């Protein structure tokens, strides 16, 4: 069974930065495409970023482009999301995902999910 565990969430002021990490119980090279989703209070879960196995193709939600950077280190079985210039509207629970056979922004494409980590941005 695959386990994904997020860390690095917390409370930060608007304009600040946080780095989320995702550790996997199996080699991330076996997780194919990985990604991050988020769910704000009262809203549906939405795609944030995705990265292919080799890291050669990345996609972002338009509202985070230029502020967030997704990366992965298959040797260390980890994936990260560097979040800069955070805004109040970035407040959400952030989920690590993996196992997508194609690069996709659809939740249904990812069979493996972490439990989520809370990110709160105060304005």
N, C-alpha and C. Protein backbone atom coordinates (compact mmCIF):
# COMPACT_ATOMS: atom_id res chain seq x y z
N UNK A 1 0.84 -1.18 0.00
CA UNK A 1 0.00 0.00 0.00
C UNK A 1 0.89 1.24 0.00
N UNK A 2 0.50 2.21 -0.79
CA UNK A 2 1.29 3.43 -0.92
C UNK A 2 0.81 4.45 0.10
N UNK A 3 1.75 5.05 0.80
CA UNK A 3 1.44 6.11 1.74
C UNK A 3 2.18 7.37 1.34
N UNK A 4 1.44 8.48 1.32
CA UNK A 4 2.02 9.78 1.07
C UNK A 4 1.79 10.63 2.30
N UNK A 5 2.83 11.32 2.76
CA UNK A 5 2.73 12.12 3.97
C UNK A 5 3.24 13.52 3.69
N UNK A 6 2.37 14.50 3.91
CA UNK A 6 2.74 15.89 3.72
C UNK A 6 3.29 16.49 5.02
N UNK A 7 4.13 17.48 4.86
CA UNK A 7 4.64 18.24 6.00
C UNK A 7 4.97 19.65 5.52
N UNK A 8 5.14 20.55 6.49
CA UNK A 8 5.56 21.90 6.16
C UNK A 8 4.47 22.95 6.18
N UNK A 9 3.24 22.54 6.43
CA UNK A 9 2.17 23.52 6.51
C UNK A 9 2.28 24.36 7.78
N UNK A 10 1.45 25.40 7.86
CA UNK A 10 1.46 26.24 9.04
C UNK A 10 0.79 27.57 8.79
N UNK A 11 1.04 28.49 9.70
CA UNK A 11 0.47 29.83 9.65
C UNK A 11 1.55 30.81 9.21
N UNK A 12 1.23 31.63 8.21
CA UNK A 12 2.19 32.60 7.70
C UNK A 12 1.45 33.87 7.33
N UNK A 13 2.13 34.99 7.41
CA UNK A 13 1.53 36.25 7.01
C UNK A 13 1.53 36.39 5.50
N UNK A 14 0.61 37.16 4.99
CA UNK A 14 0.55 37.41 3.56
C UNK A 14 1.89 37.98 3.09
N UNK A 15 2.34 37.48 1.94
CA UNK A 15 3.63 37.87 1.41
C UNK A 15 4.76 36.95 1.83
N UNK A 16 4.48 36.07 2.77
CA UNK A 16 5.50 35.15 3.26
C UNK A 16 5.61 33.90 2.41
N UNK A 17 6.44 32.98 2.89
CA UNK A 17 6.71 31.75 2.14
C UNK A 17 6.57 30.52 3.03
N UNK A 18 6.24 29.42 2.39
CA UNK A 18 6.24 28.11 3.03
C UNK A 18 6.72 27.09 2.02
N UNK A 19 7.29 26.02 2.52
CA UNK A 19 7.70 24.92 1.64
C UNK A 19 7.04 23.65 2.14
N UNK A 20 6.20 23.09 1.31
CA UNK A 20 5.56 21.82 1.62
C UNK A 20 6.38 20.67 1.06
N UNK A 21 6.44 19.60 1.82
CA UNK A 21 7.13 18.41 1.37
C UNK A 21 6.19 17.21 1.42
N UNK A 22 6.45 16.27 0.54
CA UNK A 22 5.64 15.04 0.49
C UNK A 22 6.60 13.87 0.45
N UNK A 23 6.50 13.00 1.43
CA UNK A 23 7.31 11.80 1.47
C UNK A 23 6.47 10.60 1.08
N UNK A 24 7.09 9.68 0.36
CA UNK A 24 6.37 8.50 -0.13
C UNK A 24 6.93 7.22 0.48
N UNK A 25 6.05 6.25 0.68
CA UNK A 25 6.47 4.97 1.26
C UNK A 25 7.11 4.06 0.23
N UNK A 26 7.00 4.45 -1.05
CA UNK A 26 7.68 3.71 -2.11
C UNK A 26 8.48 4.71 -2.92
N UNK A 27 9.33 4.23 -3.78
CA UNK A 27 10.11 5.14 -4.60
C UNK A 27 9.22 6.04 -5.43
N UNK A 28 9.48 7.32 -5.40
CA UNK A 28 8.64 8.24 -6.17
C UNK A 28 8.78 8.01 -7.66
N UNK A 29 9.85 7.36 -8.06
CA UNK A 29 9.97 7.04 -9.48
C UNK A 29 8.88 6.07 -9.92
N UNK A 30 8.29 5.37 -8.96
CA UNK A 30 7.17 4.46 -9.25
C UNK A 30 5.83 5.16 -9.20
N UNK A 31 5.84 6.41 -8.82
CA UNK A 31 4.58 7.14 -8.67
C UNK A 31 4.22 7.93 -9.91
N UNK A 32 5.03 7.79 -10.96
CA UNK A 32 4.77 8.45 -12.22
C UNK A 32 4.55 9.94 -12.01
N UNK A 33 3.45 10.47 -12.49
CA UNK A 33 3.19 11.89 -12.31
C UNK A 33 2.64 12.15 -10.91
N UNK A 34 3.16 13.20 -10.30
CA UNK A 34 2.72 13.57 -8.96
C UNK A 34 2.19 14.99 -8.98
N UNK A 35 1.49 15.35 -7.92
CA UNK A 35 0.92 16.70 -7.93
C UNK A 35 0.47 17.16 -6.57
N UNK A 36 -0.01 18.38 -6.54
CA UNK A 36 -0.59 19.00 -5.35
C UNK A 36 -1.98 19.53 -5.69
N UNK A 37 -2.90 19.28 -4.77
CA UNK A 37 -4.23 19.85 -4.84
C UNK A 37 -4.48 20.59 -3.53
N UNK A 38 -5.51 21.41 -3.49
CA UNK A 38 -5.86 22.10 -2.25
C UNK A 38 -7.36 22.24 -2.14
N UNK A 39 -7.81 22.36 -0.90
CA UNK A 39 -9.23 22.56 -0.65
C UNK A 39 -9.40 23.62 0.42
N UNK A 40 -10.00 24.73 0.02
CA UNK A 40 -10.29 25.82 0.94
C UNK A 40 -11.63 25.58 1.61
N UNK A 41 -11.87 26.18 2.76
CA UNK A 41 -13.14 25.99 3.47
C UNK A 41 -14.33 26.35 2.60
N UNK A 42 -15.28 25.45 2.50
CA UNK A 42 -16.49 25.71 1.74
C UNK A 42 -16.33 25.62 0.24
N UNK A 43 -15.16 25.20 -0.22
CA UNK A 43 -14.92 25.12 -1.66
C UNK A 43 -14.54 23.70 -2.06
N UNK A 44 -14.63 23.43 -3.35
CA UNK A 44 -14.22 22.13 -3.85
C UNK A 44 -12.69 22.05 -3.94
N UNK A 45 -12.21 20.82 -3.89
CA UNK A 45 -10.78 20.62 -4.03
C UNK A 45 -10.36 21.02 -5.44
N UNK A 46 -9.22 21.70 -5.55
CA UNK A 46 -8.75 22.14 -6.86
C UNK A 46 -7.30 21.79 -7.10
N UNK A 47 -6.98 21.65 -8.36
CA UNK A 47 -5.62 21.37 -8.80
C UNK A 47 -4.72 22.57 -8.51
N UNK A 48 -3.48 22.31 -8.09
CA UNK A 48 -2.51 23.37 -7.86
C UNK A 48 -1.31 23.22 -8.80
N UNK A 49 -0.71 22.03 -8.82
CA UNK A 49 0.48 21.83 -9.64
C UNK A 49 0.70 20.34 -9.88
N UNK A 50 1.36 20.03 -11.00
CA UNK A 50 1.70 18.65 -11.29
C UNK A 50 3.06 18.59 -11.96
N UNK A 51 3.75 17.46 -11.77
CA UNK A 51 5.08 17.28 -12.33
C UNK A 51 5.22 15.85 -12.82
N UNK A 52 5.84 15.69 -13.97
CA UNK A 52 6.05 14.35 -14.52
C UNK A 52 7.17 13.63 -13.78
N UNK A 53 7.31 12.34 -14.08
CA UNK A 53 8.31 11.52 -13.40
C UNK A 53 9.71 12.14 -13.52
N UNK A 54 10.04 12.60 -14.71
CA UNK A 54 11.39 13.13 -14.93
C UNK A 54 11.51 14.60 -14.56
N UNK A 55 10.37 15.22 -14.29
CA UNK A 55 10.42 16.64 -13.96
C UNK A 55 10.50 17.55 -15.18
N UNK A 56 10.36 16.97 -16.39
CA UNK A 56 10.53 17.76 -17.59
C UNK A 56 9.25 18.46 -18.04
N UNK A 57 8.16 18.16 -17.38
CA UNK A 57 6.90 18.82 -17.72
C UNK A 57 6.15 19.15 -16.45
N UNK A 58 5.79 20.41 -16.32
CA UNK A 58 5.14 20.92 -15.11
C UNK A 58 3.97 21.78 -15.52
N UNK A 59 2.92 21.74 -14.72
CA UNK A 59 1.77 22.61 -14.96
C UNK A 59 1.31 23.19 -13.63
N UNK A 60 0.76 24.40 -13.70
CA UNK A 60 0.30 25.10 -12.50
C UNK A 60 -1.09 25.67 -12.70
N UNK A 61 -1.80 25.81 -11.60
CA UNK A 61 -3.01 26.61 -11.57
C UNK A 61 -2.62 28.04 -11.93
N UNK A 62 -3.41 28.70 -12.75
CA UNK A 62 -3.03 30.04 -13.20
C UNK A 62 -2.73 30.99 -12.05
N UNK A 63 -3.51 30.91 -10.99
CA UNK A 63 -3.38 31.88 -9.91
C UNK A 63 -2.11 31.69 -9.07
N UNK A 64 -1.40 30.58 -9.25
CA UNK A 64 -0.16 30.36 -8.48
C UNK A 64 1.08 30.46 -9.36
N UNK A 65 0.90 30.60 -10.66
CA UNK A 65 2.05 30.71 -11.56
C UNK A 65 2.92 31.89 -11.16
N UNK A 66 4.23 31.65 -11.14
CA UNK A 66 5.18 32.69 -10.77
C UNK A 66 5.39 32.81 -9.27
N UNK A 67 4.54 32.15 -8.49
CA UNK A 67 4.68 32.21 -7.03
C UNK A 67 5.02 30.84 -6.43
N UNK A 68 4.48 29.77 -7.01
CA UNK A 68 4.71 28.42 -6.52
C UNK A 68 5.65 27.67 -7.45
N UNK A 69 6.46 26.78 -6.87
CA UNK A 69 7.35 25.95 -7.67
C UNK A 69 7.27 24.51 -7.16
N UNK A 70 6.92 23.61 -8.06
CA UNK A 70 6.87 22.18 -7.71
C UNK A 70 8.17 21.52 -8.15
N UNK A 71 8.63 20.57 -7.35
CA UNK A 71 9.85 19.85 -7.69
C UNK A 71 9.78 18.46 -7.07
N UNK A 72 10.64 17.58 -7.52
CA UNK A 72 10.68 16.24 -6.95
C UNK A 72 12.11 15.73 -6.98
N UNK A 73 12.41 14.84 -6.03
CA UNK A 73 13.72 14.20 -5.94
C UNK A 73 13.47 12.71 -5.81
N UNK A 74 13.52 12.00 -6.93
CA UNK A 74 13.20 10.58 -6.90
C UNK A 74 14.22 9.78 -6.10
N UNK A 75 15.42 10.27 -5.97
CA UNK A 75 16.44 9.57 -5.18
C UNK A 75 16.09 9.61 -3.69
N UNK A 76 15.38 10.65 -3.28
CA UNK A 76 15.01 10.79 -1.87
C UNK A 76 13.53 10.49 -1.63
N UNK A 77 12.83 10.09 -2.69
CA UNK A 77 11.40 9.75 -2.58
C UNK A 77 10.58 10.91 -2.03
N UNK A 78 10.87 12.10 -2.51
CA UNK A 78 10.15 13.27 -2.02
C UNK A 78 9.70 14.17 -3.17
N UNK A 79 8.69 14.94 -2.88
CA UNK A 79 8.20 15.98 -3.78
C UNK A 79 7.97 17.22 -2.92
N UNK A 80 8.16 18.38 -3.49
CA UNK A 80 8.03 19.62 -2.72
C UNK A 80 7.20 20.65 -3.47
N UNK A 81 6.68 21.59 -2.72
CA UNK A 81 5.99 22.75 -3.29
C UNK A 81 6.48 23.98 -2.54
N UNK A 82 7.28 24.77 -3.23
CA UNK A 82 7.76 26.03 -2.65
C UNK A 82 6.73 27.09 -2.95
N UNK A 83 6.20 27.73 -1.91
CA UNK A 83 5.15 28.72 -2.07
C UNK A 83 5.65 30.07 -1.59
N UNK A 84 5.75 31.02 -2.49
CA UNK A 84 6.21 32.36 -2.17
C UNK A 84 5.09 33.37 -2.40
N UNK A 85 5.27 34.55 -1.85
CA UNK A 85 4.28 35.63 -2.02
C UNK A 85 2.87 35.13 -1.72
N UNK A 86 2.73 34.46 -0.61
CA UNK A 86 1.45 33.86 -0.27
C UNK A 86 0.37 34.90 -0.03
N UNK A 87 -0.84 34.52 -0.42
CA UNK A 87 -1.99 35.40 -0.28
C UNK A 87 -3.04 34.72 0.60
N UNK A 88 -3.94 35.52 1.13
CA UNK A 88 -4.99 34.97 1.99
C UNK A 88 -5.79 33.90 1.26
N UNK A 89 -5.97 34.08 -0.04
CA UNK A 89 -6.75 33.12 -0.82
C UNK A 89 -6.02 31.80 -1.07
N UNK A 90 -4.76 31.72 -0.64
CA UNK A 90 -4.04 30.44 -0.72
C UNK A 90 -4.34 29.56 0.50
N UNK A 91 -5.05 30.10 1.46
CA UNK A 91 -5.40 29.33 2.65
C UNK A 91 -6.23 28.12 2.27
N UNK A 92 -5.76 26.95 2.67
CA UNK A 92 -6.42 25.69 2.30
C UNK A 92 -5.68 24.52 2.93
N UNK A 93 -6.29 23.36 2.83
CA UNK A 93 -5.58 22.12 3.13
C UNK A 93 -4.95 21.66 1.82
N UNK A 94 -3.67 21.41 1.85
CA UNK A 94 -2.92 21.01 0.66
C UNK A 94 -2.66 19.51 0.69
N UNK A 95 -2.94 18.86 -0.44
CA UNK A 95 -2.81 17.41 -0.55
C UNK A 95 -1.75 17.04 -1.58
N UNK A 96 -0.94 16.09 -1.21
CA UNK A 96 0.04 15.48 -2.11
C UNK A 96 -0.63 14.30 -2.82
N UNK A 97 -0.36 14.17 -4.10
CA UNK A 97 -0.95 13.07 -4.86
C UNK A 97 0.11 12.43 -5.75
N UNK A 98 -0.17 11.20 -6.17
CA UNK A 98 0.76 10.53 -7.06
C UNK A 98 0.11 9.35 -7.77
N UNK A 99 0.85 8.83 -8.73
CA UNK A 99 0.38 7.64 -9.41
C UNK A 99 -0.35 7.88 -10.70
N UNK A 100 -0.43 9.13 -11.16
CA UNK A 100 -1.13 9.39 -12.41
C UNK A 100 -0.29 8.90 -13.59
N UNK A 101 -0.91 8.16 -14.50
CA UNK A 101 -0.18 7.61 -15.64
C UNK A 101 0.06 8.65 -16.72
N UNK A 102 -0.70 9.73 -16.70
CA UNK A 102 -0.48 10.84 -17.61
C UNK A 102 -0.44 12.13 -16.78
N UNK A 103 0.12 13.17 -17.36
CA UNK A 103 0.12 14.45 -16.67
C UNK A 103 -1.28 15.01 -16.76
N UNK A 104 -1.91 15.16 -15.59
CA UNK A 104 -3.31 15.54 -15.57
C UNK A 104 -3.59 16.50 -14.42
N UNK A 105 -4.61 17.33 -14.61
CA UNK A 105 -5.05 18.23 -13.55
C UNK A 105 -6.33 17.69 -12.90
N UNK A 106 -6.76 16.52 -13.30
CA UNK A 106 -7.99 15.93 -12.79
C UNK A 106 -7.71 15.07 -11.57
N UNK A 107 -8.50 15.25 -10.52
CA UNK A 107 -8.33 14.48 -9.30
C UNK A 107 -8.44 12.98 -9.57
N UNK A 108 -9.33 12.62 -10.46
CA UNK A 108 -9.59 11.21 -10.73
C UNK A 108 -8.38 10.51 -11.34
N UNK A 109 -7.43 11.27 -11.82
CA UNK A 109 -6.25 10.66 -12.42
C UNK A 109 -5.21 10.18 -11.41
N UNK A 110 -5.39 10.55 -10.15
CA UNK A 110 -4.40 10.25 -9.11
C UNK A 110 -4.96 9.22 -8.13
N UNK A 111 -4.41 8.02 -8.09
CA UNK A 111 -4.92 7.00 -7.17
C UNK A 111 -4.42 7.14 -5.73
N UNK A 112 -3.33 7.86 -5.55
CA UNK A 112 -2.74 7.93 -4.20
C UNK A 112 -2.80 9.36 -3.67
N UNK A 113 -3.22 9.47 -2.39
CA UNK A 113 -3.39 10.77 -1.76
C UNK A 113 -2.85 10.77 -0.35
N UNK A 114 -2.27 11.90 0.05
CA UNK A 114 -1.90 12.08 1.44
C UNK A 114 -3.09 12.57 2.24
N UNK A 115 -2.88 12.76 3.53
CA UNK A 115 -3.95 13.19 4.44
C UNK A 115 -4.13 14.71 4.41
N UNK A 116 -3.17 15.42 3.90
CA UNK A 116 -3.29 16.87 3.79
C UNK A 116 -2.56 17.60 4.90
N UNK A 117 -2.15 18.82 4.59
CA UNK A 117 -1.52 19.69 5.57
C UNK A 117 -2.13 21.08 5.45
N UNK A 118 -2.42 21.70 6.58
CA UNK A 118 -3.11 22.99 6.59
C UNK A 118 -2.12 24.13 6.34
N UNK A 119 -2.50 24.99 5.42
CA UNK A 119 -1.77 26.23 5.18
C UNK A 119 -2.73 27.38 5.44
N UNK A 120 -2.35 28.27 6.35
CA UNK A 120 -3.19 29.42 6.68
C UNK A 120 -2.37 30.68 6.46
N UNK A 121 -2.90 31.57 5.64
CA UNK A 121 -2.23 32.82 5.34
C UNK A 121 -3.07 33.96 5.92
N UNK A 122 -2.48 34.69 6.83
CA UNK A 122 -3.19 35.78 7.47
C UNK A 122 -2.94 37.08 6.71
N UNK A 123 -4.00 37.85 6.55
CA UNK A 123 -3.87 39.10 5.78
C UNK A 123 -3.63 40.28 6.70
